[in-house]
Amino acid sequence: MANAYPQRPKGLGEVEQMVMDYVWANGPSTAESCREALAATRPMKDSTVRTVLRRLEQKGFISHVIDGRTFVYRAVENRQNVAVRAVKSIIDRFCGGSAEELVVGLVNSDVIDRLELERLARKIAQGKTGEKPGTAAHVRPAKKGNQP
């Protein structure tokens, strides 16, 4: 019998997140450069780093090219796109698809305070890409009826 639940994209574990943070911050990276950079906070064997990188590639977060005998890994998508997908998944799974329900929950749980919410509202009012009202990218079609 087929699984009735849709397949969810796989998330990032703690070590995978650390490796992705390194790749996002530093661009194309080798297993050795990741291992060395993370050694101070998370010492790992070379084989462990290679396993983490292979899993990240299987999950679709990174890809690699071969330079001589060395695998060079790069992020498939930028950090913000991955974060947006993760939040969208949370909204769909836990909030019935309602972003408003998520935001209200964040405010009610003191994750976002009133001042931060007001700053976000101002940014949203300016347009999703940061254009100021009145610029060509921000102009919206005129409303029908008696409104100016």
C-alpha atoms as a PDB file:
ATOM      1  CA  MET A   1       0.000   0.000   0.000  1.00  0.00           C
ATOM      2  CA  ALA A   2       1.338   3.457  -0.918  1.00  0.00           C
ATOM      3  CA  ASN A   3       2.176   5.989   1.772  1.00  0.00           C
ATOM      4  CA  ALA A   4      -0.760   8.405   2.109  1.00  0.00           C
ATOM      5  CA  TYR A   5       1.438  11.201   3.422  1.00  0.00           C
ATOM      6  CA  PRO A   6       3.377  13.401   0.987  1.00  0.00           C
ATOM      7  CA  GLN A   7       7.151  13.099   1.113  1.00  0.00           C
ATOM      8  CA  ARG A   8       8.683  16.007   3.056  1.00  0.00           C
ATOM      9  CA  PRO A   9      12.048  17.454   2.094  1.00  0.00           C
ATOM     10  CA  LYS A  10      14.756  16.400   4.490  1.00  0.00           C
ATOM     11  CA  GLY A  11      15.999  19.046   6.911  1.00  0.00           C
ATOM     12  CA  LEU A  12      19.444  19.727   8.267  1.00  0.00           C
ATOM     13  CA  GLY A  13      20.912  18.110  11.358  1.00  0.00           C
ATOM     14  CA  GLU A  14      23.185  20.066  13.691  1.00  0.00           C
ATOM     15  CA  VAL A  15      26.482  19.046  12.041  1.00  0.00           C
ATOM     16  CA  GLU A  16      24.986  19.399   8.568  1.00  0.00           C
ATOM     17  CA  GLN A  17      23.915  22.935   9.499  1.00  0.00           C
ATOM     18  CA  MET A  18      27.453  23.777  10.622  1.00  0.00           C
ATOM     19  CA  VAL A  19      28.904  22.503   7.342  1.00  0.00           C
ATOM     20  CA  MET A  20      26.286  24.366   5.288  1.00  0.00           C
ATOM     21  CA  ASP A  21      26.993  27.567   7.243  1.00  0.00           C
ATOM     22  CA  TYR A  22      30.663  27.173   6.350  1.00  0.00           C
ATOM     23  CA  VAL A  23      29.953  26.530   2.653  1.00  0.00           C
ATOM     24  CA  TRP A  24      27.516  29.473   2.466  1.00  0.00           C
ATOM     25  CA  ALA A  25      30.035  31.783   4.123  1.00  0.00           C
ATOM     26  CA  ASN A  26      33.102  30.623   2.186  1.00  0.00           C
ATOM     27  CA  GLY A  27      31.863  29.490  -1.206  1.00  0.00           C
ATOM     28  CA  PRO A  28      33.181  26.371  -2.918  1.00  0.00           C
ATOM     29  CA  SER A  29      34.910  24.206  -0.313  1.00  0.00           C
ATOM     30  CA  THR A  30      36.712  20.916   0.044  1.00  0.00           C
ATOM     31  CA  ALA A  31      36.123  18.353   2.784  1.00  0.00           C
ATOM     32  CA  GLU A  32      39.502  19.272   4.253  1.00  0.00           C
ATOM     33  CA  SER A  33      38.750  23.011   4.373  1.00  0.00           C
ATOM     34  CA  CYS A  34      35.430  22.264   6.130  1.00  0.00           C
ATOM     35  CA  ARG A  35      37.110  19.937   8.626  1.00  0.00           C
ATOM     36  CA  GLU A  36      39.854  22.447   9.420  1.00  0.00           C
ATOM     37  CA  ALA A  37      37.438  25.368   9.778  1.00  0.00           C
ATOM     38  CA  LEU A  38      35.111  23.469  12.101  1.00  0.00           C
ATOM     39  CA  ALA A  39      37.867  21.777  14.140  1.00  0.00           C
ATOM     40  CA  ALA A  40      37.851  24.417  16.904  1.00  0.00           C
ATOM     41  CA  THR A  41      34.131  24.042  17.622  1.00  0.00           C
ATOM     42  CA  ARG A  42      33.388  20.556  16.269  1.00  0.00           C
ATOM     43  CA  PRO A  43      36.417  18.288  15.770  1.00  0.00           C
ATOM     44  CA  MET A  44      35.660  15.573  13.198  1.00  0.00           C
ATOM     45  CA  LYS A  45      37.518  12.854  11.367  1.00  0.00           C
ATOM     46  CA  ASP A  46      38.005  13.312   7.650  1.00  0.00           C
ATOM     47  CA  SER A  47      35.639  10.407   6.965  1.00  0.00           C
ATOM     48  CA  THR A  48      32.908  12.038   9.073  1.00  0.00           C
ATOM     49  CA  VAL A  49      33.106  15.305   7.120  1.00  0.00           C
ATOM     50  CA  ARG A  50      32.988  13.395   3.835  1.00  0.00           C
ATOM     51  CA  THR A  51      29.908  11.487   5.043  1.00  0.00           C
ATOM     52  CA  VAL A  52      28.182  14.748   6.037  1.00  0.00           C
ATOM     53  CA  LEU A  53      29.000  16.292   2.649  1.00  0.00           C
ATOM     54  CA  ARG A  54      27.716  13.207   0.830  1.00  0.00           C
ATOM     55  CA  ARG A  55      24.450  13.354   2.821  1.00  0.00           C
ATOM     56  CA  LEU A  56      24.061  17.069   2.093  1.00  0.00           C
ATOM     57  CA  GLU A  57      24.500  16.289  -1.589  1.00  0.00           C
ATOM     58  CA  GLN A  58      21.912  13.483  -1.412  1.00  0.00           C
ATOM     59  CA  LYS A  59      19.480  15.913   0.246  1.00  0.00           C
ATOM     60  CA  GLY A  60      20.066  18.436  -2.557  1.00  0.00           C
ATOM     61  CA  PHE A  61      21.757  21.179  -0.517  1.00  0.00           C
ATOM     62  CA  ILE A  62      25.165  20.976  -2.227  1.00  0.00           C
ATOM     63  CA  SER A  63      26.744  19.640  -5.404  1.00  0.00           C
ATOM     64  CA  HIS A  64      30.338  18.920  -6.288  1.00  0.00           C
ATOM     65  CA  VAL A  65      32.840  19.092  -9.112  1.00  0.00           C
ATOM     66  CA  ILE A  66      36.098  17.196  -9.219  1.00  0.00           C
ATOM     67  CA  ASP A  67      39.335  19.179  -9.373  1.00  0.00           C
ATOM     68  CA  GLY A  68      42.101  16.650  -9.965  1.00  0.00           C
ATOM     69  CA  ARG A  69      41.309  14.097  -7.260  1.00  0.00           C
ATOM     70  CA  THR A  70      39.586  16.558  -4.931  1.00  0.00           C
ATOM     71  CA  PHE A  71      35.836  17.024  -4.596  1.00  0.00           C
ATOM     72  CA  VAL A  72      34.922  20.712  -4.410  1.00  0.00           C
ATOM     73  CA  TYR A  73      31.466  21.344  -2.954  1.00  0.00           C
ATOM     74  CA  ARG A  74      29.221  24.347  -3.471  1.00  0.00           C
ATOM     75  CA  ALA A  75      25.781  25.276  -2.189  1.00  0.00           C
ATOM     76  CA  VAL A  76      22.992  24.572  -4.662  1.00  0.00           C
ATOM     77  CA  GLU A  77      20.854  27.391  -3.227  1.00  0.00           C
ATOM     78  CA  ASN A  78      21.612  30.393  -1.077  1.00  0.00           C
ATOM     79  CA  ARG A  79      20.865  30.421   2.647  1.00  0.00           C
ATOM     80  CA  GLN A  80      17.782  32.639   2.325  1.00  0.00           C
ATOM     81  CA  ASN A  81      16.082  30.337  -0.209  1.00  0.00           C
ATOM     82  CA  VAL A  82      16.653  27.331   2.045  1.00  0.00           C
ATOM     83  CA  ALA A  83      15.308  29.273   5.042  1.00  0.00           C
ATOM     84  CA  VAL A  84      12.214  30.334   3.098  1.00  0.00           C
ATOM     85  CA  ARG A  85      11.489  26.715   2.142  1.00  0.00           C
ATOM     86  CA  ALA A  86      11.905  25.621   5.765  1.00  0.00           C
ATOM     87  CA  VAL A  87       9.521  28.309   7.028  1.00  0.00           C
ATOM     88  CA  LYS A  88       7.025  27.490   4.272  1.00  0.00           C
ATOM     89  CA  SER A  89       7.139  23.864   5.390  1.00  0.00           C
ATOM     90  CA  ILE A  90       6.481  24.891   9.005  1.00  0.00           C
ATOM     91  CA  ILE A  91       3.558  27.078   7.925  1.00  0.00           C
ATOM     92  CA  ASP A  92       2.068  24.246   5.885  1.00  0.00           C
ATOM     93  CA  ARG A  93       2.637  21.525   8.492  1.00  0.00           C
ATOM     94  CA  PHE A  94       1.794  23.331  11.723  1.00  0.00           C
ATOM     95  CA  CYS A  95      -0.262  26.391  10.811  1.00  0.00           C
ATOM     96  CA  GLY A  96      -2.632  25.058   8.174  1.00  0.00           C
ATOM     97  CA  GLY A  97      -0.907  27.130   5.497  1.00  0.00           C
ATOM     98  CA  SER A  98      -1.513  30.404   7.367  1.00  0.00           C
ATOM     99  CA  ALA A  99       1.495  32.708   7.646  1.00  0.00           C
ATOM    100  CA  GLU A 100      -0.656  34.962   9.839  1.00  0.00           C
ATOM    101  CA  GLU A 101      -1.120  32.119  12.334  1.00  0.00           C
ATOM    102  CA  LEU A 102       2.650  31.631  12.467  1.00  0.00           C
ATOM    103  CA  VAL A 103       3.365  35.341  13.021  1.00  0.00           C
ATOM    104  CA  VAL A 104       0.670  35.662  15.700  1.00  0.00           C
ATOM    105  CA  GLY A 105       2.156  32.630  17.431  1.00  0.00           C
ATOM    106  CA  LEU A 106       5.647  34.175  17.290  1.00  0.00           C
ATOM    107  CA  VAL A 107       4.350  37.395  18.840  1.00  0.00           C
ATOM    108  CA  ASN A 108       2.259  35.615  21.488  1.00  0.00           C
ATOM    109  CA  SER A 109       5.262  33.475  22.448  1.00  0.00           C
ATOM    110  CA  ASP A 110       7.568  36.525  22.710  1.00  0.00           C
ATOM    111  CA  VAL A 111       9.770  35.300  19.840  1.00  0.00           C
ATOM    112  CA  ILE A 112       9.101  38.589  18.022  1.00  0.00           C
ATOM    113  CA  ASP A 113       8.379  41.707  20.041  1.00  0.00           C
ATOM    114  CA  ARG A 114       6.092  44.562  19.018  1.00  0.00           C
ATOM    115  CA  LEU A 115       8.935  46.857  17.889  1.00  0.00           C
ATOM    116  CA  GLU A 116      10.471  44.202  15.674  1.00  0.00           C
ATOM    117  CA  LEU A 117       7.064  43.431  14.183  1.00  0.00           C
ATOM    118  CA  GLU A 118       6.569  47.140  13.423  1.00  0.00           C
ATOM    119  CA  ARG A 119      10.000  47.296  11.701  1.00  0.00           C
ATOM    120  CA  LEU A 120       9.055  44.278   9.622  1.00  0.00           C
ATOM    121  CA  ALA A 121       5.716  45.860   8.696  1.00  0.00           C
ATOM    122  CA  ARG A 122       7.532  48.998   7.467  1.00  0.00           C
ATOM    123  CA  LYS A 123       9.893  46.899   5.336  1.00  0.00           C
ATOM    124  CA  ILE A 124       6.966  45.010   3.862  1.00  0.00           C
ATOM    125  CA  ALA A 125       5.166  48.290   3.121  1.00  0.00           C
ATOM    126  CA  GLN A 126       8.243  49.412   1.142  1.00  0.00           C
ATOM    127  CA  GLY A 127       7.977  46.395  -1.141  1.00  0.00           C
ATOM    128  CA  LYS A 128       9.369  42.906  -0.956  1.00  0.00           C
ATOM    129  CA  THR A 129      12.658  43.806  -2.664  1.00  0.00           C
ATOM    130  CA  GLY A 130      13.214  46.973  -0.696  1.00  0.00           C
ATOM    131  CA  GLU A 131      11.986  49.503  -3.251  1.00  0.00           C
ATOM    132  CA  LYS A 132      10.655  52.740  -1.858  1.00  0.00           C
ATOM    133  CA  PRO A 133       6.953  53.446  -2.506  1.00  0.00           C
ATOM    134  CA  GLY A 134       6.523  55.280  -5.793  1.00  0.00           C
ATOM    135  CA  THR A 135       9.464  53.670  -7.606  1.00  0.00           C
ATOM    136  CA  ALA A 136       8.738  51.861 -10.851  1.00  0.00           C
ATOM    137  CA  ALA A 137       9.089  48.430  -9.258  1.00  0.00           C
ATOM    138  CA  HIS A 138       6.642  49.362  -6.505  1.00  0.00           C
ATOM    139  CA  VAL A 139       3.871  50.986  -8.557  1.00  0.00           C
ATOM    140  CA  ARG A 140       0.652  48.960  -8.520  1.00  0.00           C
ATOM    141  CA  PRO A 141      -2.266  49.145 -10.933  1.00  0.00           C
ATOM    142  CA  ALA A 142      -4.876  51.786 -10.066  1.00  0.00           C
ATOM    143  CA  LYS A 143      -7.974  50.534  -8.277  1.00  0.00           C
ATOM    144  CA  LYS A 144     -11.317  50.647 -10.042  1.00  0.00           C
ATOM    145  CA  GLY A 145     -14.112  52.775  -8.695  1.00  0.00           C
ATOM    146  CA  ASN A 146     -14.101  56.167  -7.001  1.00  0.00           C
ATOM    147  CA  GLN A 147     -10.745  55.840  -5.302  1.00  0.00           C
ATOM    148  CA  PRO A 148      -7.893  58.049  -6.542  1.00  0.00           C
END
